[in-house]
Amino acid sequence: MSDEVRIITEELHKLGTQFEISADDLGRQLTAFRRRSDAEALCDGFGSRAAAGPYLELYEQAERALEQLRERLAEVAGGIRETAVATDAAEAELVETIREVR
């Protein structure tokens, strides 16, 4: 096994973009989910807020979980982009240092 590590920043940029697209898609889907399944519609469907109670809890938990997932995907995308930029900068600095040594 080699001790060498090679980071392909183009792939990091692509991966960051994929996470960002996933976060955006999830955000749109969450908005659509909220429109189609709002709490009032659930109450109306069950006849009362008391009857819909357990389902309202599940609805709210699902909504929170999806929002947290969307936020986390966006955070990961940002972290990957920062890593790619830092890696590019470090490589450029290394190239410059090698040129100066020669």
PDB file of N, CA and C in Angstrom:
ATOM      1  N   MET A   1       0.842  -1.175   0.000  1.00  0.00           N
ATOM      2  CA  MET A   1       0.000   0.000   0.000  1.00  0.00           C
ATOM      3  C   MET A   1       0.891   1.243   0.000  1.00  0.00           C
ATOM      4  N   SER A   2       0.548   2.187  -0.807  1.00  0.00           N
ATOM      5  CA  SER A   2       1.333   3.401  -0.951  1.00  0.00           C
ATOM      6  C   SER A   2       0.934   4.427   0.106  1.00  0.00           C
ATOM      7  N   ASP A   3       1.927   5.227   0.528  1.00  0.00           N
ATOM      8  CA  ASP A   3       1.661   6.312   1.466  1.00  0.00           C
ATOM      9  C   ASP A   3       1.272   7.593   0.734  1.00  0.00           C
ATOM     10  N   GLU A   4       1.282   7.540  -0.592  1.00  0.00           N
ATOM     11  CA  GLU A   4       0.982   8.720  -1.390  1.00  0.00           C
ATOM     12  C   GLU A   4      -0.522   8.970  -1.444  1.00  0.00           C
ATOM     13  N   VAL A   5      -0.881  10.227  -1.326  1.00  0.00           N
ATOM     14  CA  VAL A   5      -2.281  10.630  -1.422  1.00  0.00           C
ATOM     15  C   VAL A   5      -2.388  11.644  -2.543  1.00  0.00           C
ATOM     16  N   ARG A   6      -3.327  11.430  -3.419  1.00  0.00           N
ATOM     17  CA  ARG A   6      -3.551  12.372  -4.519  1.00  0.00           C
ATOM     18  C   ARG A   6      -5.001  12.816  -4.477  1.00  0.00           C
ATOM     19  N   ILE A   7      -5.199  14.103  -4.379  1.00  0.00           N
ATOM     20  CA  ILE A   7      -6.545  14.662  -4.365  1.00  0.00           C
ATOM     21  C   ILE A   7      -6.809  15.282  -5.727  1.00  0.00           C
ATOM     22  N   ILE A   8      -7.866  14.848  -6.348  1.00  0.00           N
ATOM     23  CA  ILE A   8      -8.257  15.395  -7.644  1.00  0.00           C
ATOM     24  C   ILE A   8      -9.327  16.448  -7.370  1.00  0.00           C
ATOM     25  N   THR A   9      -8.917  17.697  -7.421  1.00  0.00           N
ATOM     26  CA  THR A   9      -9.829  18.772  -7.014  1.00  0.00           C
ATOM     27  C   THR A   9     -11.027  18.905  -7.948  1.00  0.00           C
ATOM     28  N   GLU A  10     -10.859  18.554  -9.212  1.00  0.00           N
ATOM     29  CA  GLU A  10     -12.006  18.609 -10.124  1.00  0.00           C
ATOM     30  C   GLU A  10     -13.114  17.675  -9.632  1.00  0.00           C
ATOM     31  N   GLU A  11     -12.706  16.516  -9.138  1.00  0.00           N
ATOM     32  CA  GLU A  11     -13.690  15.562  -8.610  1.00  0.00           C
ATOM     33  C   GLU A  11     -14.329  16.090  -7.318  1.00  0.00           C
ATOM     34  N   LEU A  12     -13.542  16.773  -6.501  1.00  0.00           N
ATOM     35  CA  LEU A  12     -14.105  17.386  -5.293  1.00  0.00           C
ATOM     36  C   LEU A  12     -15.143  18.440  -5.660  1.00  0.00           C
ATOM     37  N   HIS A  13     -14.837  19.244  -6.653  1.00  0.00           N
ATOM     38  CA  HIS A  13     -15.795  20.255  -7.100  1.00  0.00           C
ATOM     39  C   HIS A  13     -17.085  19.593  -7.589  1.00  0.00           C
ATOM     40  N   LYS A  14     -16.942  18.517  -8.367  1.00  0.00           N
ATOM     41  CA  LYS A  14     -18.122  17.795  -8.852  1.00  0.00           C
ATOM     42  C   LYS A  14     -18.937  17.217  -7.699  1.00  0.00           C
ATOM     43  N   LEU A  15     -18.241  16.636  -6.726  1.00  0.00           N
ATOM     44  CA  LEU A  15     -18.922  16.052  -5.576  1.00  0.00           C
ATOM     45  C   LEU A  15     -19.649  17.133  -4.777  1.00  0.00           C
ATOM     46  N   GLY A  16     -18.989  18.261  -4.567  1.00  0.00           N
ATOM     47  CA  GLY A  16     -19.628  19.370  -3.869  1.00  0.00           C
ATOM     48  C   GLY A  16     -20.876  19.842  -4.597  1.00  0.00           C
ATOM     49  N   THR A  17     -20.785  19.919  -5.912  1.00  0.00           N
ATOM     50  CA  THR A  17     -21.936  20.322  -6.726  1.00  0.00           C
ATOM     51  C   THR A  17     -23.066  19.310  -6.597  1.00  0.00           C
ATOM     52  N   GLN A  18     -22.737  18.021  -6.585  1.00  0.00           N
ATOM     53  CA  GLN A  18     -23.765  16.992  -6.433  1.00  0.00           C
ATOM     54  C   GLN A  18     -24.483  17.118  -5.092  1.00  0.00           C
ATOM     55  N   PHE A  19     -23.732  17.372  -4.030  1.00  0.00           N
ATOM     56  CA  PHE A  19     -24.360  17.553  -2.720  1.00  0.00           C
ATOM     57  C   PHE A  19     -25.240  18.800  -2.716  1.00  0.00           C
ATOM     58  N   GLU A  20     -24.762  19.868  -3.347  1.00  0.00           N
ATOM     59  CA  GLU A  20     -25.536  21.103  -3.408  1.00  0.00           C
ATOM     60  C   GLU A  20     -26.838  20.895  -4.188  1.00  0.00           C
ATOM     61  N   ILE A  21     -26.755  20.196  -5.299  1.00  0.00           N
ATOM     62  CA  ILE A  21     -27.951  19.899  -6.097  1.00  0.00           C
ATOM     63  C   ILE A  21     -28.920  19.048  -5.288  1.00  0.00           C
ATOM     64  N   SER A  22     -28.385  18.074  -4.565  1.00  0.00           N
ATOM     65  CA  SER A  22     -29.247  17.226  -3.727  1.00  0.00           C
ATOM     66  C   SER A  22     -29.946  18.042  -2.647  1.00  0.00           C
ATOM     67  N   ALA A  23     -29.229  18.975  -2.036  1.00  0.00           N
ATOM     68  CA  ALA A  23     -29.829  19.833  -1.005  1.00  0.00           C
ATOM     69  C   ALA A  23     -30.927  20.702  -1.614  1.00  0.00           C
ATOM     70  N   ASP A  24     -30.666  21.262  -2.790  1.00  0.00           N
ATOM     71  CA  ASP A  24     -31.673  22.087  -3.460  1.00  0.00           C
ATOM     72  C   ASP A  24     -32.902  21.263  -3.846  1.00  0.00           C
ATOM     73  N   ASP A  25     -32.667  20.071  -4.391  1.00  0.00           N
ATOM     74  CA  ASP A  25     -33.778  19.188  -4.755  1.00  0.00           C
ATOM     75  C   ASP A  25     -34.614  18.833  -3.531  1.00  0.00           C
ATOM     76  N   LEU A  26     -33.943  18.505  -2.454  1.00  0.00           N
ATOM     77  CA  LEU A  26     -34.660  18.154  -1.228  1.00  0.00           C
ATOM     78  C   LEU A  26     -35.452  19.347  -0.714  1.00  0.00           C
ATOM     79  N   GLY A  27     -34.902  20.542  -0.820  1.00  0.00           N
ATOM     80  CA  GLY A  27     -35.616  21.748  -0.418  1.00  0.00           C
ATOM     81  C   GLY A  27     -36.895  21.932  -1.227  1.00  0.00           C
ATOM     82  N   ARG A  28     -36.806  21.721  -2.541  1.00  0.00           N
ATOM     83  CA  ARG A  28     -38.004  21.825  -3.391  1.00  0.00           C
ATOM     84  C   ARG A  28     -39.022  20.750  -3.039  1.00  0.00           C
ATOM     85  N   GLN A  29     -38.550  19.537  -2.808  1.00  0.00           N
ATOM     86  CA  GLN A  29     -39.458  18.454  -2.447  1.00  0.00           C
ATOM     87  C   GLN A  29     -40.112  18.710  -1.090  1.00  0.00           C
ATOM     88  N   LEU A  30     -39.361  19.288  -0.161  1.00  0.00           N
ATOM     89  CA  LEU A  30     -39.914  19.611   1.149  1.00  0.00           C
ATOM     90  C   LEU A  30     -41.003  20.672   1.023  1.00  0.00           C
ATOM     91  N   THR A  31     -40.770  21.661   0.178  1.00  0.00           N
ATOM     92  CA  THR A  31     -41.792  22.683  -0.058  1.00  0.00           C
ATOM     93  C   THR A  31     -43.058  22.052  -0.631  1.00  0.00           C
ATOM     94  N   ALA A  32     -42.892  21.160  -1.583  1.00  0.00           N
ATOM     95  CA  ALA A  32     -44.049  20.479  -2.168  1.00  0.00           C
ATOM     96  C   ALA A  32     -44.742  19.600  -1.126  1.00  0.00           C
ATOM     97  N   PHE A  33     -43.957  18.939  -0.300  1.00  0.00           N
ATOM     98  CA  PHE A  33     -44.510  18.105   0.772  1.00  0.00           C
ATOM     99  C   PHE A  33     -45.356  18.950   1.714  1.00  0.00           C
ATOM    100  N   ARG A  34     -44.857  20.122   2.066  1.00  0.00           N
ATOM    101  CA  ARG A  34     -45.587  21.013   2.980  1.00  0.00           C
ATOM    102  C   ARG A  34     -46.906  21.455   2.358  1.00  0.00           C
ATOM    103  N   ARG A  35     -46.892  21.751   1.055  1.00  0.00           N
ATOM    104  CA  ARG A  35     -48.123  22.187   0.384  1.00  0.00           C
ATOM    105  C   ARG A  35     -49.170  21.080   0.344  1.00  0.00           C
ATOM    106  N   ARG A  36     -48.719  19.856   0.064  1.00  0.00           N
ATOM    107  CA  ARG A  36     -49.656  18.738  -0.110  1.00  0.00           C
ATOM    108  C   ARG A  36     -50.157  18.157   1.199  1.00  0.00           C
ATOM    109  N   SER A  37     -49.401  18.321   2.262  1.00  0.00           N
ATOM    110  CA  SER A  37     -49.754  17.617   3.499  1.00  0.00           C
ATOM    111  C   SER A  37     -49.725  18.528   4.713  1.00  0.00           C
ATOM    112  N   ASP A  38     -50.352  19.673   4.599  1.00  0.00           N
ATOM    113  CA  ASP A  38     -50.307  20.598   5.724  1.00  0.00           C
ATOM    114  C   ASP A  38     -51.141  20.080   6.896  1.00  0.00           C
ATOM    115  N   ALA A  39     -50.871  20.620   8.073  1.00  0.00           N
ATOM    116  CA  ALA A  39     -51.497  20.157   9.312  1.00  0.00           C
ATOM    117  C   ALA A  39     -53.008  20.333   9.286  1.00  0.00           C
ATOM    118  N   GLU A  40     -53.478  21.412   8.714  1.00  0.00           N
ATOM    119  CA  GLU A  40     -54.928  21.647   8.672  1.00  0.00           C
ATOM    120  C   GLU A  40     -55.624  20.585   7.840  1.00  0.00           C
ATOM    121  N   ALA A  41     -55.020  20.200   6.731  1.00  0.00           N
ATOM    122  CA  ALA A  41     -55.613  19.159   5.893  1.00  0.00           C
ATOM    123  C   ALA A  41     -55.684  17.836   6.654  1.00  0.00           C
ATOM    124  N   LEU A  42     -54.648  17.540   7.442  1.00  0.00           N
ATOM    125  CA  LEU A  42     -54.669  16.323   8.253  1.00  0.00           C
ATOM    126  C   LEU A  42     -55.813  16.365   9.264  1.00  0.00           C
ATOM    127  N   CYS A  43     -55.971  17.491   9.914  1.00  0.00           N
ATOM    128  CA  CYS A  43     -57.055  17.633  10.905  1.00  0.00           C
ATOM    129  C   CYS A  43     -58.414  17.486  10.241  1.00  0.00           C
ATOM    130  N   ASP A  44     -58.565  18.113   9.089  1.00  0.00           N
ATOM    131  CA  ASP A  44     -59.835  18.004   8.361  1.00  0.00           C
ATOM    132  C   ASP A  44     -60.104  16.558   7.970  1.00  0.00           C
ATOM    133  N   GLY A  45     -59.066  15.862   7.542  1.00  0.00           N
ATOM    134  CA  GLY A  45     -59.231  14.463   7.122  1.00  0.00           C
ATOM    135  C   GLY A  45     -59.636  13.543   8.262  1.00  0.00           C
ATOM    136  N   PHE A  46     -59.177  13.842   9.464  1.00  0.00           N
ATOM    137  CA  PHE A  46     -59.511  13.002  10.620  1.00  0.00           C
ATOM    138  C   PHE A  46     -60.722  13.532  11.385  1.00  0.00           C
ATOM    139  N   GLY A  47     -61.173  14.710  11.031  1.00  0.00           N
ATOM    140  CA  GLY A  47     -62.355  15.252  11.685  1.00  0.00           C
ATOM    141  C   GLY A  47     -62.058  16.134  12.878  1.00  0.00           C
ATOM    142  N   SER A  48     -60.900  15.976  13.486  1.00  0.00           N
ATOM    143  CA  SER A  48     -60.539  16.824  14.627  1.00  0.00           C
ATOM    144  C   SER A  48     -59.035  16.780  14.836  1.00  0.00           C
ATOM    145  N   ARG A  49     -58.554  17.788  15.538  1.00  0.00           N
ATOM    146  CA  ARG A  49     -57.128  17.851  15.860  1.00  0.00           C
ATOM    147  C   ARG A  49     -56.742  16.696  16.789  1.00  0.00           C
ATOM    148  N   ALA A  50     -57.639  16.335  17.712  1.00  0.00           N
ATOM    149  CA  ALA A  50     -57.349  15.247  18.652  1.00  0.00           C
ATOM    150  C   ALA A  50     -57.166  13.923  17.918  1.00  0.00           C
ATOM    151  N   ALA A  51     -58.029  13.639  16.964  1.00  0.00           N
ATOM    152  CA  ALA A  51     -57.933  12.383  16.218  1.00  0.00           C
ATOM    153  C   ALA A  51     -56.684  12.350  15.336  1.00  0.00           C
ATOM    154  N   ALA A  52     -56.298  13.515  14.840  1.00  0.00           N
ATOM    155  CA  ALA A  52     -55.133  13.594  13.950  1.00  0.00           C
ATOM    156  C   ALA A  52     -53.817  13.707  14.721  1.00  0.00           C
ATOM    157  N   GLY A  53     -53.901  13.857  16.059  1.00  0.00           N
ATOM    158  CA  GLY A  53     -52.725  14.101  16.886  1.00  0.00           C
ATOM    159  C   GLY A  53     -51.504  13.259  16.580  1.00  0.00           C
ATOM    160  N   PRO A  54     -51.613  11.923  16.610  1.00  0.00           N
ATOM    161  CA  PRO A  54     -50.422  11.097  16.346  1.00  0.00           C
ATOM    162  C   PRO A  54     -49.849  11.316  14.941  1.00  0.00           C
ATOM    163  N   TYR A  55     -50.728  11.554  13.980  1.00  0.00           N
ATOM    164  CA  TYR A  55     -50.267  11.768  12.609  1.00  0.00           C
ATOM    165  C   TYR A  55     -49.645  13.147  12.449  1.00  0.00           C
ATOM    166  N   LEU A  56     -50.157  14.115  13.202  1.00  0.00           N
ATOM    167  CA  LEU A  56     -49.542  15.442  13.186  1.00  0.00           C
ATOM    168  C   LEU A  56     -48.127  15.376  13.735  1.00  0.00           C
ATOM    169  N   GLU A  57     -47.933  14.598  14.785  1.00  0.00           N
ATOM    170  CA  GLU A  57     -46.587  14.430  15.343  1.00  0.00           C
ATOM    171  C   GLU A  57     -45.645  13.820  14.316  1.00  0.00           C
ATOM    172  N   LEU A  58     -46.110  12.783  13.630  1.00  0.00           N
ATOM    173  CA  LEU A  58     -45.286  12.146  12.595  1.00  0.00           C
ATOM    174  C   LEU A  58     -44.985  13.121  11.466  1.00  0.00           C
ATOM    175  N   TYR A  59     -45.988  13.886  11.079  1.00  0.00           N
ATOM    176  CA  TYR A  59     -45.816  14.887  10.029  1.00  0.00           C
ATOM    177  C   TYR A  59     -44.742  15.892  10.428  1.00  0.00           C
ATOM    178  N   GLU A  60     -44.828  16.400  11.651  1.00  0.00           N
ATOM    179  CA  GLU A  60     -43.866  17.394  12.120  1.00  0.00           C
ATOM    180  C   GLU A  60     -42.466  16.804  12.249  1.00  0.00           C
ATOM    181  N   GLN A  61     -42.372  15.553  12.706  1.00  0.00           N
ATOM    182  CA  GLN A  61     -41.062  14.893  12.806  1.00  0.00           C
ATOM    183  C   GLN A  61     -40.451  14.701  11.422  1.00  0.00           C
ATOM    184  N   ALA A  62     -41.269  14.277  10.480  1.00  0.00           N
ATOM    185  CA  ALA A  62     -40.778  14.072   9.111  1.00  0.00           C
ATOM    186  C   ALA A  62     -40.313  15.398   8.513  1.00  0.00           C
ATOM    187  N   GLU A  63     -41.084  16.426   8.742  1.00  0.00           N
ATOM    188  CA  GLU A  63     -40.731  17.744   8.213  1.00  0.00           C
ATOM    189  C   GLU A  63     -39.407  18.233   8.811  1.00  0.00           C
ATOM    190  N   ARG A  64     -39.240  18.100  10.115  1.00  0.00           N
ATOM    191  CA  ARG A  64     -37.988  18.517  10.774  1.00  0.00           C
ATOM    192  C   ARG A  64     -36.802  17.689  10.274  1.00  0.00           C
ATOM    193  N   ALA A  65     -37.019  16.385  10.155  1.00  0.00           N
ATOM    194  CA  ALA A  65     -35.929  15.508   9.710  1.00  0.00           C
ATOM    195  C   ALA A  65     -35.493  15.855   8.286  1.00  0.00           C
ATOM    196  N   LEU A  66     -36.443  16.107   7.412  1.00  0.00           N
ATOM    197  CA  LEU A  66     -36.102  16.471   6.037  1.00  0.00           C
ATOM    198  C   LEU A  66     -35.372  17.812   5.982  1.00  0.00           C
ATOM    199  N   GLU A  67     -35.805  18.760   6.793  1.00  0.00           N
ATOM    200  CA  GLU A  67     -35.137  20.065   6.823  1.00  0.00           C
ATOM    201  C   GLU A  67     -33.711  19.924   7.365  1.00  0.00           C
ATOM    202  N   GLN A  68     -33.521  19.113   8.396  1.00  0.00           N
ATOM    203  CA  GLN A  68     -32.179  18.894   8.938  1.00  0.00           C
ATOM    204  C   GLN A  68     -31.291  18.205   7.912  1.00  0.00           C
ATOM    205  N   LEU A  69     -31.848  17.262   7.172  1.00  0.00           N
ATOM    206  CA  LEU A  69     -31.080  16.580   6.134  1.00  0.00           C
ATOM    207  C   LEU A  69     -30.682  17.565   5.041  1.00  0.00           C
ATOM    208  N   ARG A  70     -31.602  18.423   4.635  1.00  0.00           N
ATOM    209  CA  ARG A  70     -31.303  19.426   3.609  1.00  0.00           C
ATOM    210  C   ARG A  70     -30.182  20.345   4.078  1.00  0.00           C
ATOM    211  N   GLU A  71     -30.267  20.788   5.335  1.00  0.00           N
ATOM    212  CA  GLU A  71     -29.223  21.658   5.891  1.00  0.00           C
ATOM    213  C   GLU A  71     -27.882  20.946   5.929  1.00  0.00           C
ATOM    214  N   ARG A  72     -27.896  19.687   6.314  1.00  0.00           N
ATOM    215  CA  ARG A  72     -26.643  18.921   6.407  1.00  0.00           C
ATOM    216  C   ARG A  72     -26.027  18.717   5.029  1.00  0.00           C
ATOM    217  N   LEU A  73     -26.849  18.425   4.026  1.00  0.00           N
ATOM    218  CA  LEU A  73     -26.340  18.282   2.661  1.00  0.00           C
ATOM    219  C   LEU A  73     -25.686  19.581   2.190  1.00  0.00           C
ATOM    220  N   ALA A  74     -26.318  20.702   2.501  1.00  0.00           N
ATOM    221  CA  ALA A  74     -25.760  21.998   2.122  1.00  0.00           C
ATOM    222  C   ALA A  74     -24.436  22.244   2.853  1.00  0.00           C
ATOM    223  N   GLU A  75     -24.353  21.874   4.128  1.00  0.00           N
ATOM    224  CA  GLU A  75     -23.106  22.028   4.895  1.00  0.00           C
ATOM    225  C   GLU A  75     -21.996  21.176   4.299  1.00  0.00           C
ATOM    226  N   VAL A  76     -22.317  19.940   3.950  1.00  0.00           N
ATOM    227  CA  VAL A  76     -21.322  19.039   3.355  1.00  0.00           C
ATOM    228  C   VAL A  76     -20.836  19.610   2.023  1.00  0.00           C
ATOM    229  N   ALA A  77     -21.773  20.112   1.223  1.00  0.00           N
ATOM    230  CA  ALA A  77     -21.397  20.721  -0.065  1.00  0.00           C
ATOM    231  C   ALA A  77     -20.425  21.875   0.158  1.00  0.00           C
ATOM    232  N   GLY A  78     -20.718  22.727   1.127  1.00  0.00           N
ATOM    233  CA  GLY A  78     -19.834  23.843   1.418  1.00  0.00           C
ATOM    234  C   GLY A  78     -18.466  23.386   1.895  1.00  0.00           C
ATOM    235  N   GLY A  79     -18.449  22.375   2.739  1.00  0.00           N
ATOM    236  CA  GLY A  79     -17.180  21.840   3.234  1.00  0.00           C
ATOM    237  C   GLY A  79     -16.332  21.238   2.129  1.00  0.00           C
ATOM    238  N   ILE A  80     -16.976  20.538   1.227  1.00  0.00           N
ATOM    239  CA  ILE A  80     -16.238  19.949   0.107  1.00  0.00           C
ATOM    240  C   ILE A  80     -15.678  21.042  -0.796  1.00  0.00           C
ATOM    241  N   ARG A  81     -16.482  22.063  -1.062  1.00  0.00           N
ATOM    242  CA  ARG A  81     -16.001  23.175  -1.896  1.00  0.00           C
ATOM    243  C   ARG A  81     -14.814  23.870  -1.230  1.00  0.00           C
ATOM    244  N   GLU A  82     -14.906  24.109   0.082  1.00  0.00           N
ATOM    245  CA  GLU A  82     -13.793  24.741   0.804  1.00  0.00           C
ATOM    246  C   GLU A  82     -12.536  23.881   0.726  1.00  0.00           C
ATOM    247  N   THR A  83     -12.705  22.577   0.857  1.00  0.00           N
ATOM    248  CA  THR A  83     -11.563  21.665   0.767  1.00  0.00           C
ATOM    249  C   THR A  83     -10.925  21.720  -0.614  1.00  0.00           C
ATOM    250  N   ALA A  84     -11.753  21.748  -1.642  1.00  0.00           N
ATOM    251  CA  ALA A  84     -11.233  21.814  -3.010  1.00  0.00           C
ATOM    252  C   ALA A  84     -10.459  23.107  -3.237  1.00  0.00           C
ATOM    253  N   VAL A  85     -11.000  24.223  -2.767  1.00  0.00           N
ATOM    254  CA  VAL A  85     -10.319  25.518  -2.923  1.00  0.00           C
ATOM    255  C   VAL A  85      -9.006  25.521  -2.145  1.00  0.00           C
ATOM    256  N   ALA A  86      -9.025  25.021  -0.918  1.00  0.00           N
ATOM    257  CA  ALA A  86      -7.809  24.971  -0.102  1.00  0.00           C
ATOM    258  C   ALA A  86      -6.763  24.060  -0.737  1.00  0.00           C
ATOM    259  N   THR A  87      -7.202  22.956  -1.309  1.00  0.00           N
ATOM    260  CA  THR A  87      -6.281  22.029  -1.964  1.00  0.00           C
ATOM    261  C   THR A  87      -5.655  22.680  -3.183  1.00  0.00           C
ATOM    262  N   ASP A  88      -6.468  23.365  -3.987  1.00  0.00           N
ATOM    263  CA  ASP A  88      -5.920  24.089  -5.147  1.00  0.00           C
ATOM    264  C   ASP A  88      -4.883  25.113  -4.706  1.00  0.00           C
ATOM    265  N   ALA A  89      -5.185  25.850  -3.651  1.00  0.00           N
ATOM    266  CA  ALA A  89      -4.258  26.868  -3.150  1.00  0.00           C
ATOM    267  C   ALA A  89      -2.966  26.226  -2.648  1.00  0.00           C
ATOM    268  N   ALA A  90      -3.087  25.126  -1.935  1.00  0.00           N
ATOM    269  CA  ALA A  90      -1.901  24.439  -1.414  1.00  0.00           C
ATOM    270  C   ALA A  90      -1.037  23.899  -2.544  1.00  0.00           C
ATOM    271  N   GLU A  91      -1.673  23.356  -3.571  1.00  0.00           N
ATOM    272  CA  GLU A  91      -0.915  22.857  -4.718  1.00  0.00           C
ATOM    273  C   GLU A  91      -0.207  23.986  -5.446  1.00  0.00           C
ATOM    274  N   ALA A  92      -0.890  25.102  -5.601  1.00  0.00           N
ATOM    275  CA  ALA A  92      -0.272  26.252  -6.270  1.00  0.00           C
ATOM    276  C   ALA A  92       0.920  26.756  -5.463  1.00  0.00           C
ATOM    277  N   GLU A  93       0.760  26.796  -4.160  1.00  0.00           N
ATOM    278  CA  GLU A  93       1.854  27.234  -3.286  1.00  0.00           C
ATOM    279  C   GLU A  93       3.031  26.273  -3.368  1.00  0.00           C
ATOM    280  N   LEU A  94       2.747  24.982  -3.406  1.00  0.00           N
ATOM    281  CA  LEU A  94       3.804  23.981  -3.514  1.00  0.00           C
ATOM    282  C   LEU A  94       4.547  24.117  -4.836  1.00  0.00           C
ATOM    283  N   VAL A  95       3.823  24.324  -5.911  1.00  0.00           N
ATOM    284  CA  VAL A  95       4.451  24.506  -7.220  1.00  0.00           C
ATOM    285  C   VAL A  95       5.355  25.737  -7.194  1.00  0.00           C
ATOM    286  N   GLU A  96       4.864  26.813  -6.609  1.00  0.00           N
ATOM    287  CA  GLU A  96       5.655  28.037  -6.519  1.00  0.00           C
ATOM    288  C   GLU A  96       6.915  27.816  -5.685  1.00  0.00           C
ATOM    289  N   THR A  97       6.797  27.099  -4.588  1.00  0.00           N
ATOM    290  CA  THR A  97       7.949  26.800  -3.731  1.00  0.00           C
ATOM    291  C   THR A  97       8.984  25.968  -4.485  1.00  0.00           C
ATOM    292  N   ILE A  98       8.528  24.991  -5.233  1.00  0.00           N
ATOM    293  CA  ILE A  98       9.447  24.161  -6.001  1.00  0.00           C
ATOM    294  C   ILE A  98      10.155  24.984  -7.058  1.00  0.00           C
ATOM    295  N   ARG A  99       9.441  25.892  -7.713  1.00  0.00           N
ATOM    296  CA  ARG A  99      10.065  26.770  -8.707  1.00  0.00           C
ATOM    297  C   ARG A  99      11.147  27.652  -8.083  1.00  0.00           C
ATOM    298  N   GLU A 100      10.852  28.152  -6.891  1.00  0.00           N
ATOM    299  CA  GLU A 100      11.826  29.021  -6.210  1.00  0.00           C
ATOM    300  C   GLU A 100      13.088  28.260  -5.821  1.00  0.00           C
ATOM    301  N   VAL A 101      12.940  27.001  -5.466  1.00  0.00           N
ATOM    302  CA  VAL A 101      14.084  26.171  -5.063  1.00  0.00           C
ATOM    303  C   VAL A 101      14.978  25.875  -6.250  1.00  0.00           C
ATOM    304  N   ARG A 102      14.399  25.722  -7.383  1.00  0.00           N
ATOM    305  CA  ARG A 102      15.180  25.404  -8.586  1.00  0.00           C
ATOM    306  C   ARG A 102      15.953  26.615  -8.970  1.00  0.00           C
TER     307      ARG A 102
END
